[in-house]
Amino acid sequence: MGADGELDTWSTRSIVRTMFPLLVVLSAIVLWAGLTLEEAEELLAEYGLLAVMVPTIIGTGGNLGAILSSRLTTRFHLGMTDLDVRDPDLWANVVAIVTLALTIFTLLGVGAFLVGLMIGSTLSLPVLLAISIGSGTAIAILVVVFSFAATYGSYRLGVDPDDTTIPIITSLIDVFGVVIFLAVASLVVGL
């Protein structure tokens, strides 16, 4: 923090000093997502439509995390640093993220089914909805937890959450989103 108590984040040196090590660590973490996909080769080869869903699942999860962490960061910059479980504004943000997730992941299941009809996939609408909504709900819960932890943790460490939260959230959701999606898909299709 600067001499006046403000977060000192506007210098190039400060940004590089903060972000370079963080981005190196996050890059290593994201490699795990790739390794996880490689291990799921059998599942994705048998049900190719699932491979089509992966980028949307993890991309949407990361976007939801970016939205929530940006909103939380704004609260910190406005001086609303109390993370009080009785705060209706915090709950409104959580409900909005979960509602968005349920809506988008339902549409993803329907969209995947329609694509599947065009390419001759054997996965039914209920199966695709179970995979999409099941994994999407779990990812939305992680988004909420990771967003609060990254924003509050950054603030407490004296690092501007604007610099850290979105890379942290999107990287973690890439990894855990893939793991969750593949676990739910394996469970639903019985592999």
Protein backbone atom coordinates (compact mmCIF):
# COMPACT_ATOMS: atom_id res chain seq x y z
CA MET A 1 0.00 0.00 0.00
CA GLY A 2 1.06 3.57 -0.65
CA ALA A 3 1.83 6.17 1.97
CA ASP A 4 -1.78 7.39 1.99
CA GLY A 5 -3.19 3.88 2.52
CA GLU A 6 -4.27 3.46 -1.11
CA LEU A 7 -3.37 0.39 -3.09
CA ASP A 8 -0.25 1.26 -5.15
CA THR A 9 -1.07 -0.34 -8.49
CA TRP A 10 -0.58 2.25 -11.20
CA SER A 11 3.13 1.83 -11.87
CA THR A 12 4.43 -0.57 -14.51
CA ARG A 13 6.88 -1.98 -11.98
CA SER A 14 4.09 -2.72 -9.50
CA ILE A 15 1.91 -4.38 -12.11
CA VAL A 16 4.73 -6.58 -13.44
CA ARG A 17 5.97 -7.44 -9.95
CA THR A 18 2.47 -8.53 -8.95
CA MET A 19 1.24 -10.17 -12.13
CA PHE A 20 4.27 -11.97 -13.58
CA PRO A 21 4.64 -14.57 -10.79
CA LEU A 22 0.87 -14.94 -10.56
CA LEU A 23 0.52 -15.57 -14.30
CA VAL A 24 3.40 -18.09 -14.29
CA VAL A 25 1.73 -20.07 -11.48
CA LEU A 26 -1.70 -19.85 -13.12
CA SER A 27 -0.27 -21.04 -16.44
CA ALA A 28 1.12 -24.11 -14.72
CA ILE A 29 -2.25 -24.74 -13.07
CA VAL A 30 -4.10 -24.48 -16.41
CA LEU A 31 -1.80 -27.13 -17.87
CA TRP A 32 -3.58 -29.50 -15.51
CA ALA A 33 -6.83 -28.85 -17.40
CA GLY A 34 -5.14 -30.01 -20.60
CA LEU A 35 -3.81 -33.12 -18.93
CA THR A 36 -7.28 -33.84 -17.55
CA LEU A 37 -8.77 -33.58 -21.03
CA GLU A 38 -6.13 -35.94 -22.36
CA GLU A 39 -7.01 -38.49 -19.66
CA ALA A 40 -10.66 -38.30 -20.73
CA GLU A 41 -9.83 -39.29 -24.29
CA GLU A 42 -12.03 -42.43 -24.17
CA LEU A 43 -15.11 -40.54 -23.00
CA LEU A 44 -14.65 -37.71 -25.49
CA ALA A 45 -13.90 -40.11 -28.36
CA GLU A 46 -17.06 -42.11 -27.68
CA TYR A 47 -19.24 -39.03 -27.19
CA GLY A 48 -17.70 -36.37 -29.43
CA LEU A 49 -20.53 -33.97 -28.67
CA LEU A 50 -19.16 -33.64 -25.13
CA ALA A 51 -15.87 -32.32 -26.54
CA VAL A 52 -17.87 -29.60 -28.28
CA MET A 53 -19.42 -28.59 -24.94
CA VAL A 54 -16.13 -28.25 -23.02
CA PRO A 55 -15.10 -24.76 -24.24
CA THR A 56 -18.55 -23.34 -23.57
CA ILE A 57 -18.74 -24.88 -20.10
CA ILE A 58 -15.40 -23.53 -18.94
CA GLY A 59 -15.71 -20.25 -20.83
CA THR A 60 -19.09 -19.53 -19.29
CA GLY A 61 -17.82 -20.45 -15.84
CA GLY A 62 -14.88 -18.08 -16.25
CA ASN A 63 -17.16 -15.31 -17.50
CA LEU A 64 -19.49 -15.73 -14.53
CA GLY A 65 -16.48 -15.55 -12.22
CA ALA A 66 -15.23 -12.42 -13.95
CA ILE A 67 -18.63 -10.78 -13.51
CA LEU A 68 -18.89 -11.61 -9.82
CA SER A 69 -15.29 -10.78 -8.95
CA SER A 70 -15.58 -7.45 -10.80
CA ARG A 71 -18.70 -6.59 -8.83
CA LEU A 72 -17.02 -7.56 -5.55
CA THR A 73 -13.90 -5.58 -6.43
CA THR A 74 -16.02 -2.52 -7.14
CA ARG A 75 -17.55 -2.88 -3.66
CA PHE A 76 -14.06 -2.93 -2.13
CA HIS A 77 -13.02 0.18 -4.05
CA LEU A 78 -16.19 1.93 -2.88
CA GLY A 79 -15.30 1.15 0.74
CA MET A 80 -17.85 -1.61 1.26
CA THR A 81 -15.31 -4.13 2.55
CA ASP A 82 -17.48 -5.96 5.04
CA LEU A 83 -18.33 -9.41 3.73
CA ASP A 84 -21.40 -9.74 5.91
CA VAL A 85 -23.62 -12.76 5.22
CA ARG A 86 -26.63 -10.58 6.08
CA ASP A 87 -25.83 -8.10 3.29
CA PRO A 88 -28.69 -8.32 0.75
CA ASP A 89 -26.52 -6.81 -2.02
CA LEU A 90 -24.01 -9.64 -1.71
CA TRP A 91 -26.80 -12.22 -1.86
CA ALA A 92 -28.34 -10.46 -4.86
CA ASN A 93 -25.04 -10.86 -6.70
CA VAL A 94 -24.80 -14.54 -5.76
CA VAL A 95 -28.40 -15.19 -6.83
CA ALA A 96 -27.80 -13.36 -10.12
CA ILE A 97 -24.73 -15.49 -10.89
CA VAL A 98 -26.50 -18.76 -10.07
CA THR A 99 -29.57 -17.71 -12.08
CA LEU A 100 -27.39 -16.78 -15.05
CA ALA A 101 -25.58 -20.12 -14.74
CA LEU A 102 -28.78 -22.15 -14.66
CA THR A 103 -30.15 -20.28 -17.66
CA ILE A 104 -26.99 -20.49 -19.78
CA PHE A 105 -26.24 -24.12 -18.93
CA THR A 106 -29.83 -25.12 -19.72
CA LEU A 107 -29.52 -23.41 -23.09
CA LEU A 108 -26.18 -25.14 -23.61
CA GLY A 109 -27.80 -28.54 -23.06
CA VAL A 110 -30.56 -27.74 -25.54
CA GLY A 111 -28.09 -26.28 -28.04
CA ALA A 112 -25.83 -29.33 -27.75
CA PHE A 113 -28.83 -31.57 -28.37
CA LEU A 114 -29.72 -29.63 -31.53
CA VAL A 115 -26.13 -29.85 -32.76
CA GLY A 116 -26.20 -33.54 -31.90
CA LEU A 117 -29.25 -34.03 -34.09
CA MET A 118 -27.35 -32.54 -37.02
CA ILE A 119 -24.25 -34.68 -36.54
CA GLY A 120 -25.99 -37.90 -35.50
CA SER A 121 -25.12 -37.99 -31.80
CA THR A 122 -26.77 -40.66 -29.65
CA LEU A 123 -26.97 -38.50 -26.53
CA SER A 124 -30.54 -37.62 -25.59
CA LEU A 125 -31.83 -34.25 -24.41
CA PRO A 126 -32.30 -35.40 -20.79
CA VAL A 127 -28.73 -36.75 -20.71
CA LEU A 128 -27.28 -33.53 -22.14
CA LEU A 129 -29.36 -31.40 -19.77
CA ALA A 130 -28.23 -33.49 -16.79
CA ILE A 131 -24.59 -33.10 -17.80
CA SER A 132 -24.85 -29.40 -18.62
CA ILE A 133 -27.00 -28.29 -15.68
CA GLY A 134 -25.28 -30.63 -13.20
CA SER A 135 -21.77 -29.53 -14.06
CA GLY A 136 -22.86 -25.91 -14.55
CA THR A 137 -24.44 -25.71 -11.10
CA ALA A 138 -21.32 -27.11 -9.46
CA ILE A 139 -19.16 -24.68 -11.42
CA ALA A 140 -21.41 -21.75 -10.40
CA ILE A 141 -20.95 -22.68 -6.74
CA LEU A 142 -17.17 -22.77 -7.23
CA VAL A 143 -17.34 -19.42 -9.03
CA VAL A 144 -18.99 -17.86 -5.97
CA VAL A 145 -16.48 -19.39 -3.54
CA PHE A 146 -13.41 -18.60 -5.67
CA SER A 147 -14.61 -15.05 -6.43
CA PHE A 148 -15.11 -14.20 -2.77
CA ALA A 149 -11.81 -15.83 -1.77
CA ALA A 150 -9.75 -14.20 -4.55
CA THR A 151 -11.25 -10.74 -4.05
CA TYR A 152 -11.04 -10.74 -0.27
CA GLY A 153 -7.62 -12.43 -0.25
CA SER A 154 -6.16 -9.93 -2.72
CA TYR A 155 -7.52 -7.02 -0.75
CA ARG A 156 -6.19 -8.38 2.54
CA LEU A 157 -2.74 -8.92 0.98
CA GLY A 158 -2.68 -5.29 -0.20
CA VAL A 159 -2.87 -6.24 -3.87
CA ASP A 160 -5.43 -4.54 -6.08
CA PRO A 161 -8.16 -7.14 -6.72
CA ASP A 162 -8.67 -5.57 -10.17
CA ASP A 163 -5.29 -7.02 -11.14
CA THR A 164 -5.65 -10.49 -9.68
CA THR A 165 -9.21 -11.75 -9.44
CA ILE A 166 -10.09 -12.34 -13.08
CA PRO A 167 -6.90 -14.25 -13.96
CA ILE A 168 -7.24 -16.32 -10.78
CA ILE A 169 -10.93 -17.08 -11.29
CA THR A 170 -10.71 -17.91 -14.98
CA SER A 171 -7.68 -20.16 -14.51
CA LEU A 172 -9.17 -22.04 -11.58
CA ILE A 173 -12.50 -22.44 -13.35
CA ASP A 174 -10.69 -23.73 -16.45
CA VAL A 175 -9.16 -26.50 -14.36
CA PHE A 176 -11.97 -27.31 -11.98
CA GLY A 177 -14.61 -26.76 -14.67
CA VAL A 178 -13.04 -29.42 -16.87
CA VAL A 179 -12.71 -31.83 -13.95
CA ILE A 180 -16.32 -31.27 -12.85
CA PHE A 181 -17.70 -31.50 -16.40
CA LEU A 182 -15.87 -34.75 -17.10
CA ALA A 183 -16.87 -36.25 -13.75
CA VAL A 184 -20.54 -35.38 -14.24
CA ALA A 185 -20.48 -36.57 -17.86
CA SER A 186 -18.84 -39.87 -16.86
CA LEU A 187 -21.39 -40.36 -14.11
CA VAL A 188 -24.38 -39.57 -16.35
CA VAL A 189 -23.31 -41.67 -19.36
CA GLY A 190 -22.05 -44.48 -17.13
CA LEU A 191 -18.37 -44.62 -18.11
